[in-house]
Amino acid sequence: MAEQSGGAPVRGLVVGVAFLGGTALLGALLAPLWWWLAPRPEVVVLPDGGVFTGASEEVFAGEGYFVVITALAGLVTGYAAYMVQFSLARRRFQDLRMVGLVASTLGAAAASLLVWRIGVALDAPAREAVLATDPGGTVVAALQLQAVAFLVVWPFVHVLQYGLLDAFSLMRGDQPGVPEPVRDRIPAEGVVPLTGDPRQGGAGTAGLG
């Protein structure tokens, strides 16, 4: 039988911090993967120090890899966060769904930022090479994420996965830590409930309809 937790607020805080930190740490670990997989296009250095990227597939491939990596990470973290809180809630009777959702979603947002910033920072030598190239020269572009809207992919997929698992759990009726609804007891058909003292005649006698 599940054990009722006496330190529920403290336990919820510890779980939330662990979820946030663990999810964010995964972003730091995936940043080198994006940096390593993403292709870089060749660009022409302009006189003002900028670059002309053109419209080749490699220009958008780096952002495509970012979307794929963070979307897959969102599926994994959404599943992992829900199953971990599910196991913890069964161990001690405490509803941790909201704590797990909020903390892990904030962690997913931080993780997405870390993938972006660390990945771009790892490509600093390529950025220096662009600055050192004379105007008109061709050089391999540095990694960048122009469409910063892609930063929401990880937390969005994470919340979607988490919500789907909770919906399945709700349909099965096996949400740990959630008290079962109190059901009204309906008298059997044809039976009149006792309303008086059964030792007295008439008023306290149950009759058949």
C-alpha atoms as a PDB file:
ATOM      1  CA  MET A   1       0.000   0.000   0.000  1.00  0.00           C
ATOM      2  CA  ALA A   2       1.294   3.496  -0.821  1.00  0.00           C
ATOM      3  CA  GLU A   3       2.777   5.415   2.074  1.00  0.00           C
ATOM      4  CA  GLN A   4       1.412   8.868   2.820  1.00  0.00           C
ATOM      5  CA  SER A   5       4.194  11.448   2.622  1.00  0.00           C
ATOM      6  CA  GLY A   6       4.481  13.814   5.578  1.00  0.00           C
ATOM      7  CA  GLY A   7       7.010  16.156   3.943  1.00  0.00           C
ATOM      8  CA  ALA A   8       5.111  16.624   0.680  1.00  0.00           C
ATOM      9  CA  PRO A   9       6.180  20.243  -0.048  1.00  0.00           C
ATOM     10  CA  VAL A  10       9.870  19.497   0.555  1.00  0.00           C
ATOM     11  CA  ARG A  11       9.689  16.325  -1.501  1.00  0.00           C
ATOM     12  CA  GLY A  12       7.947  18.168  -4.325  1.00  0.00           C
ATOM     13  CA  LEU A  13      10.643  20.866  -4.285  1.00  0.00           C
ATOM     14  CA  VAL A  14      13.438  18.302  -4.408  1.00  0.00           C
ATOM     15  CA  VAL A  15      11.756  16.469  -7.286  1.00  0.00           C
ATOM     16  CA  GLY A  16      11.226  19.737  -9.168  1.00  0.00           C
ATOM     17  CA  VAL A  17      14.856  20.837  -8.814  1.00  0.00           C
ATOM     18  CA  ALA A  18      16.059  17.410  -9.933  1.00  0.00           C
ATOM     19  CA  PHE A  19      13.786  17.454 -12.987  1.00  0.00           C
ATOM     20  CA  LEU A  20      14.837  20.959 -14.003  1.00  0.00           C
ATOM     21  CA  GLY A  21      18.549  20.332 -13.539  1.00  0.00           C
ATOM     22  CA  GLY A  22      18.538  16.915 -15.186  1.00  0.00           C
ATOM     23  CA  THR A  23      16.678  18.102 -18.265  1.00  0.00           C
ATOM     24  CA  ALA A  24      18.872  21.184 -18.653  1.00  0.00           C
ATOM     25  CA  LEU A  25      22.004  19.045 -18.317  1.00  0.00           C
ATOM     26  CA  LEU A  26      20.861  16.958 -21.271  1.00  0.00           C
ATOM     27  CA  GLY A  27      20.861  20.124 -23.389  1.00  0.00           C
ATOM     28  CA  ALA A  28      24.499  20.774 -22.522  1.00  0.00           C
ATOM     29  CA  LEU A  29      25.331  17.202 -23.539  1.00  0.00           C
ATOM     30  CA  LEU A  30      23.476  17.424 -26.858  1.00  0.00           C
ATOM     31  CA  ALA A  31      25.082  20.714 -27.926  1.00  0.00           C
ATOM     32  CA  PRO A  32      28.294  19.037 -29.153  1.00  0.00           C
ATOM     33  CA  LEU A  33      26.172  16.559 -31.104  1.00  0.00           C
ATOM     34  CA  TRP A  34      24.465  19.390 -33.010  1.00  0.00           C
ATOM     35  CA  TRP A  35      27.829  21.074 -33.563  1.00  0.00           C
ATOM     36  CA  TRP A  36      29.294  17.843 -34.919  1.00  0.00           C
ATOM     37  CA  LEU A  37      26.389  16.776 -37.174  1.00  0.00           C
ATOM     38  CA  ALA A  38      25.295  20.106 -38.640  1.00  0.00           C
ATOM     39  CA  PRO A  39      26.765  20.835 -42.097  1.00  0.00           C
ATOM     40  CA  ARG A  40      28.210  24.271 -42.894  1.00  0.00           C
ATOM     41  CA  PRO A  41      27.824  25.979 -46.263  1.00  0.00           C
ATOM     42  CA  GLU A  42      30.556  27.810 -48.076  1.00  0.00           C
ATOM     43  CA  VAL A  43      29.968  31.556 -48.006  1.00  0.00           C
ATOM     44  CA  VAL A  44      31.461  34.607 -49.696  1.00  0.00           C
ATOM     45  CA  VAL A  45      32.826  37.291 -47.394  1.00  0.00           C
ATOM     46  CA  LEU A  46      31.378  40.759 -48.112  1.00  0.00           C
ATOM     47  CA  PRO A  47      33.265  44.074 -47.793  1.00  0.00           C
ATOM     48  CA  ASP A  48      31.274  45.083 -44.723  1.00  0.00           C
ATOM     49  CA  GLY A  49      32.363  41.942 -42.854  1.00  0.00           C
ATOM     50  CA  GLY A  50      29.155  40.040 -43.488  1.00  0.00           C
ATOM     51  CA  VAL A  51      28.770  36.910 -45.591  1.00  0.00           C
ATOM     52  CA  PHE A  52      26.656  35.908 -48.578  1.00  0.00           C
ATOM     53  CA  THR A  53      25.158  32.476 -47.874  1.00  0.00           C
ATOM     54  CA  GLY A  54      23.133  31.913 -51.025  1.00  0.00           C
ATOM     55  CA  ALA A  55      20.197  29.502 -51.052  1.00  0.00           C
ATOM     56  CA  SER A  56      21.807  26.070 -50.912  1.00  0.00           C
ATOM     57  CA  GLU A  57      20.364  23.238 -48.834  1.00  0.00           C
ATOM     58  CA  GLU A  58      23.311  23.372 -46.455  1.00  0.00           C
ATOM     59  CA  VAL A  59      22.283  26.873 -45.391  1.00  0.00           C
ATOM     60  CA  PHE A  60      19.121  25.465 -43.769  1.00  0.00           C
ATOM     61  CA  ALA A  61      20.457  21.992 -42.908  1.00  0.00           C
ATOM     62  CA  GLY A  62      22.083  23.170 -39.679  1.00  0.00           C
ATOM     63  CA  GLU A  63      18.766  24.462 -38.362  1.00  0.00           C
ATOM     64  CA  GLY A  64      17.060  21.287 -39.564  1.00  0.00           C
ATOM     65  CA  TYR A  65      19.447  19.201 -37.477  1.00  0.00           C
ATOM     66  CA  PHE A  66      18.701  21.439 -34.507  1.00  0.00           C
ATOM     67  CA  VAL A  67      14.961  20.806 -34.894  1.00  0.00           C
ATOM     68  CA  VAL A  68      15.394  17.036 -35.248  1.00  0.00           C
ATOM     69  CA  ILE A  69      17.726  16.739 -32.267  1.00  0.00           C
ATOM     70  CA  THR A  70      15.603  18.878 -29.957  1.00  0.00           C
ATOM     71  CA  ALA A  71      12.332  17.245 -31.059  1.00  0.00           C
ATOM     72  CA  LEU A  72      13.692  13.766 -30.314  1.00  0.00           C
ATOM     73  CA  ALA A  73      15.033  15.060 -27.007  1.00  0.00           C
ATOM     74  CA  GLY A  74      11.568  16.417 -26.201  1.00  0.00           C
ATOM     75  CA  LEU A  75      10.042  12.974 -26.753  1.00  0.00           C
ATOM     76  CA  VAL A  76      12.644  11.355 -24.518  1.00  0.00           C
ATOM     77  CA  THR A  77      12.470  13.901 -21.694  1.00  0.00           C
ATOM     78  CA  GLY A  78       8.672  14.049 -21.771  1.00  0.00           C
ATOM     79  CA  TYR A  79       8.471  10.273 -21.430  1.00  0.00           C
ATOM     80  CA  ALA A  80      11.221  10.063 -18.823  1.00  0.00           C
ATOM     81  CA  ALA A  81       9.833  12.900 -16.675  1.00  0.00           C
ATOM     82  CA  TYR A  82       6.342  11.427 -16.582  1.00  0.00           C
ATOM     83  CA  MET A  83       7.489   7.886 -15.818  1.00  0.00           C
ATOM     84  CA  VAL A  84       9.840   9.053 -13.063  1.00  0.00           C
ATOM     85  CA  GLN A  85       7.153  11.094 -11.335  1.00  0.00           C
ATOM     86  CA  PHE A  86       4.750   8.171 -11.819  1.00  0.00           C
ATOM     87  CA  SER A  87       7.152   5.853 -10.003  1.00  0.00           C
ATOM     88  CA  LEU A  88       7.808   8.364  -7.214  1.00  0.00           C
ATOM     89  CA  ALA A  89       4.100   8.996  -6.734  1.00  0.00           C
ATOM     90  CA  ARG A  90       3.447   5.277  -6.355  1.00  0.00           C
ATOM     91  CA  ARG A  91       6.205   4.927  -3.787  1.00  0.00           C
ATOM     92  CA  ARG A  92       4.620   7.571  -1.598  1.00  0.00           C
ATOM     93  CA  PHE A  93       1.085   8.783  -2.044  1.00  0.00           C
ATOM     94  CA  GLN A  94       1.674  12.262  -3.528  1.00  0.00           C
ATOM     95  CA  ASP A  95       0.510  13.814  -6.784  1.00  0.00           C
ATOM     96  CA  LEU A  96       3.689  14.987  -8.540  1.00  0.00           C
ATOM     97  CA  ARG A  97       2.271  15.521 -12.027  1.00  0.00           C
ATOM     98  CA  MET A  98       2.183  19.328 -11.935  1.00  0.00           C
ATOM     99  CA  VAL A  99       5.570  19.582 -10.234  1.00  0.00           C
ATOM    100  CA  GLY A 100       7.077  17.271 -12.815  1.00  0.00           C
ATOM    101  CA  LEU A 101       5.457  19.094 -15.726  1.00  0.00           C
ATOM    102  CA  VAL A 102       6.418  22.638 -14.721  1.00  0.00           C
ATOM    103  CA  ALA A 103       9.973  21.814 -13.623  1.00  0.00           C
ATOM    104  CA  SER A 104      10.815  19.574 -16.573  1.00  0.00           C
ATOM    105  CA  THR A 105       9.319  22.044 -19.066  1.00  0.00           C
ATOM    106  CA  LEU A 106      11.456  24.854 -17.665  1.00  0.00           C
ATOM    107  CA  GLY A 107      14.396  22.474 -17.897  1.00  0.00           C
ATOM    108  CA  ALA A 108      13.521  21.710 -21.532  1.00  0.00           C
ATOM    109  CA  ALA A 109      13.466  25.425 -22.358  1.00  0.00           C
ATOM    110  CA  ALA A 110      16.842  25.901 -20.674  1.00  0.00           C
ATOM    111  CA  ALA A 111      18.203  22.821 -22.463  1.00  0.00           C
ATOM    112  CA  SER A 112      17.167  24.192 -25.845  1.00  0.00           C
ATOM    113  CA  LEU A 113      18.991  27.434 -25.096  1.00  0.00           C
ATOM    114  CA  LEU A 114      22.079  25.514 -24.038  1.00  0.00           C
ATOM    115  CA  VAL A 115      22.140  23.488 -27.247  1.00  0.00           C
ATOM    116  CA  TRP A 116      22.027  26.732 -29.223  1.00  0.00           C
ATOM    117  CA  ARG A 117      24.540  28.773 -27.254  1.00  0.00           C
ATOM    118  CA  ILE A 118      27.072  26.000 -26.623  1.00  0.00           C
ATOM    119  CA  GLY A 119      26.857  24.763 -30.208  1.00  0.00           C
ATOM    120  CA  VAL A 120      27.486  28.235 -31.578  1.00  0.00           C
ATOM    121  CA  ALA A 121      30.324  28.821 -29.084  1.00  0.00           C
ATOM    122  CA  LEU A 122      32.043  25.614 -30.189  1.00  0.00           C
ATOM    123  CA  ASP A 123      32.217  27.031 -33.719  1.00  0.00           C
ATOM    124  CA  ALA A 124      34.150  30.139 -32.655  1.00  0.00           C
ATOM    125  CA  PRO A 125      37.241  29.209 -34.740  1.00  0.00           C
ATOM    126  CA  ALA A 126      35.114  29.171 -37.902  1.00  0.00           C
ATOM    127  CA  ARG A 127      33.789  32.620 -37.018  1.00  0.00           C
ATOM    128  CA  GLU A 128      37.318  33.922 -36.590  1.00  0.00           C
ATOM    129  CA  ALA A 129      38.239  32.466 -39.974  1.00  0.00           C
ATOM    130  CA  VAL A 130      35.447  34.468 -41.580  1.00  0.00           C
ATOM    131  CA  LEU A 131      36.740  37.674 -39.999  1.00  0.00           C
ATOM    132  CA  ALA A 132      40.267  36.934 -41.187  1.00  0.00           C
ATOM    133  CA  THR A 133      39.242  36.315 -44.800  1.00  0.00           C
ATOM    134  CA  ASP A 134      39.526  39.151 -47.336  1.00  0.00           C
ATOM    135  CA  PRO A 135      36.351  40.444 -49.006  1.00  0.00           C
ATOM    136  CA  GLY A 136      35.352  38.264 -51.918  1.00  0.00           C
ATOM    137  CA  GLY A 137      37.016  35.198 -50.476  1.00  0.00           C
ATOM    138  CA  THR A 138      35.196  31.921 -49.875  1.00  0.00           C
ATOM    139  CA  VAL A 139      35.167  30.297 -46.469  1.00  0.00           C
ATOM    140  CA  VAL A 140      33.100  27.736 -44.551  1.00  0.00           C
ATOM    141  CA  ALA A 141      30.410  29.486 -42.526  1.00  0.00           C
ATOM    142  CA  ALA A 142      30.157  29.210 -38.760  1.00  0.00           C
ATOM    143  CA  LEU A 143      27.266  27.368 -37.138  1.00  0.00           C
ATOM    144  CA  GLN A 144      24.311  29.574 -36.313  1.00  0.00           C
ATOM    145  CA  LEU A 145      20.570  29.465 -35.623  1.00  0.00           C
ATOM    146  CA  GLN A 146      18.815  32.260 -37.471  1.00  0.00           C
ATOM    147  CA  ALA A 147      15.254  31.046 -36.774  1.00  0.00           C
ATOM    148  CA  VAL A 148      15.260  31.371 -32.986  1.00  0.00           C
ATOM    149  CA  ALA A 149      11.606  30.284 -32.995  1.00  0.00           C
ATOM    150  CA  PHE A 150      12.972  26.732 -33.226  1.00  0.00           C
ATOM    151  CA  LEU A 151      13.963  27.076 -29.570  1.00  0.00           C
ATOM    152  CA  VAL A 152      10.383  26.201 -28.603  1.00  0.00           C
ATOM    153  CA  VAL A 153      10.508  22.796 -30.320  1.00  0.00           C
ATOM    154  CA  TRP A 154      11.990  20.951 -27.348  1.00  0.00           C
ATOM    155  CA  PRO A 155       9.614  22.292 -24.640  1.00  0.00           C
ATOM    156  CA  PHE A 156       6.606  21.975 -26.978  1.00  0.00           C
ATOM    157  CA  VAL A 157       7.254  18.322 -27.812  1.00  0.00           C
ATOM    158  CA  HIS A 158       8.104  17.666 -24.169  1.00  0.00           C
ATOM    159  CA  VAL A 159       4.759  19.021 -22.938  1.00  0.00           C
ATOM    160  CA  LEU A 160       2.897  17.158 -25.685  1.00  0.00           C
ATOM    161  CA  GLN A 161       4.490  13.832 -24.763  1.00  0.00           C
ATOM    162  CA  TYR A 162       3.950  14.405 -21.050  1.00  0.00           C
ATOM    163  CA  GLY A 163       0.304  15.334 -21.601  1.00  0.00           C
ATOM    164  CA  LEU A 164      -0.393  12.306 -23.801  1.00  0.00           C
ATOM    165  CA  LEU A 165       1.010   9.940 -21.187  1.00  0.00           C
ATOM    166  CA  ASP A 166      -1.085  11.588 -18.487  1.00  0.00           C
ATOM    167  CA  ALA A 167      -4.175  11.267 -20.681  1.00  0.00           C
ATOM    168  CA  PHE A 168      -3.518   7.543 -21.160  1.00  0.00           C
ATOM    169  CA  SER A 169      -3.036   7.157 -17.418  1.00  0.00           C
ATOM    170  CA  LEU A 170      -6.312   9.002 -16.783  1.00  0.00           C
ATOM    171  CA  MET A 171      -8.187   6.709 -19.158  1.00  0.00           C
ATOM    172  CA  ARG A 172      -6.753   3.658 -17.396  1.00  0.00           C
ATOM    173  CA  GLY A 173      -7.565   5.133 -14.004  1.00  0.00           C
ATOM    174  CA  ASP A 174      -4.103   4.428 -12.565  1.00  0.00           C
ATOM    175  CA  GLN A 175      -2.821   7.910 -11.698  1.00  0.00           C
ATOM    176  CA  PRO A 176      -0.762   7.422  -8.505  1.00  0.00           C
ATOM    177  CA  GLY A 177      -1.068  10.026  -5.810  1.00  0.00           C
ATOM    178  CA  VAL A 178      -4.474  11.186  -7.054  1.00  0.00           C
ATOM    179  CA  PRO A 179      -7.325  10.434  -4.600  1.00  0.00           C
ATOM    180  CA  GLU A 180     -10.191   8.472  -6.065  1.00  0.00           C
ATOM    181  CA  PRO A 181     -13.418  10.474  -6.385  1.00  0.00           C
ATOM    182  CA  VAL A 182     -15.952   9.896  -3.654  1.00  0.00           C
ATOM    183  CA  ARG A 183     -18.921   8.164  -5.179  1.00  0.00           C
ATOM    184  CA  ASP A 184     -22.423   8.747  -3.798  1.00  0.00           C
ATOM    185  CA  ARG A 185     -24.016   5.648  -2.450  1.00  0.00           C
ATOM    186  CA  ILE A 186     -27.339   5.186  -4.196  1.00  0.00           C
ATOM    187  CA  PRO A 187     -29.869   3.029  -2.324  1.00  0.00           C
ATOM    188  CA  ALA A 188     -30.889  -0.168  -4.026  1.00  0.00           C
ATOM    189  CA  GLU A 189     -33.994   0.090  -6.166  1.00  0.00           C
ATOM    190  CA  GLY A 190     -37.159  -0.387  -4.188  1.00  0.00           C
ATOM    191  CA  VAL A 191     -35.513   0.046  -0.790  1.00  0.00           C
ATOM    192  CA  VAL A 192     -36.457   3.056   1.346  1.00  0.00           C
ATOM    193  CA  PRO A 193     -33.621   4.204   3.646  1.00  0.00           C
ATOM    194  CA  LEU A 194     -34.263   4.277   7.392  1.00  0.00           C
ATOM    195  CA  THR A 195     -35.187   7.761   8.589  1.00  0.00           C
ATOM    196  CA  GLY A 196     -36.179   7.164  12.182  1.00  0.00           C
ATOM    197  CA  ASP A 197     -35.524   4.978  15.156  1.00  0.00           C
ATOM    198  CA  PRO A 198     -35.869   1.361  14.070  1.00  0.00           C
ATOM    199  CA  ARG A 199     -37.175   0.513  17.541  1.00  0.00           C
ATOM    200  CA  GLN A 200     -40.237   2.638  16.886  1.00  0.00           C
ATOM    201  CA  GLY A 201     -42.892   1.365  14.654  1.00  0.00           C
ATOM    202  CA  GLY A 202     -43.747   2.677  11.226  1.00  0.00           C
ATOM    203  CA  ALA A 203     -41.334   5.575  10.738  1.00  0.00           C
ATOM    204  CA  GLY A 204     -38.177   3.556  10.770  1.00  0.00           C
ATOM    205  CA  THR A 205     -39.332   0.550   8.788  1.00  0.00           C
ATOM    206  CA  ALA A 206     -37.864  -0.121   5.383  1.00  0.00           C
ATOM    207  CA  GLY A 207     -40.451  -1.077   2.884  1.00  0.00           C
ATOM    208  CA  LEU A 208     -40.539  -2.443  -0.595  1.00  0.00           C
ATOM    209  CA  GLY A 209     -41.732  -0.261  -3.409  1.00  0.00           C
END
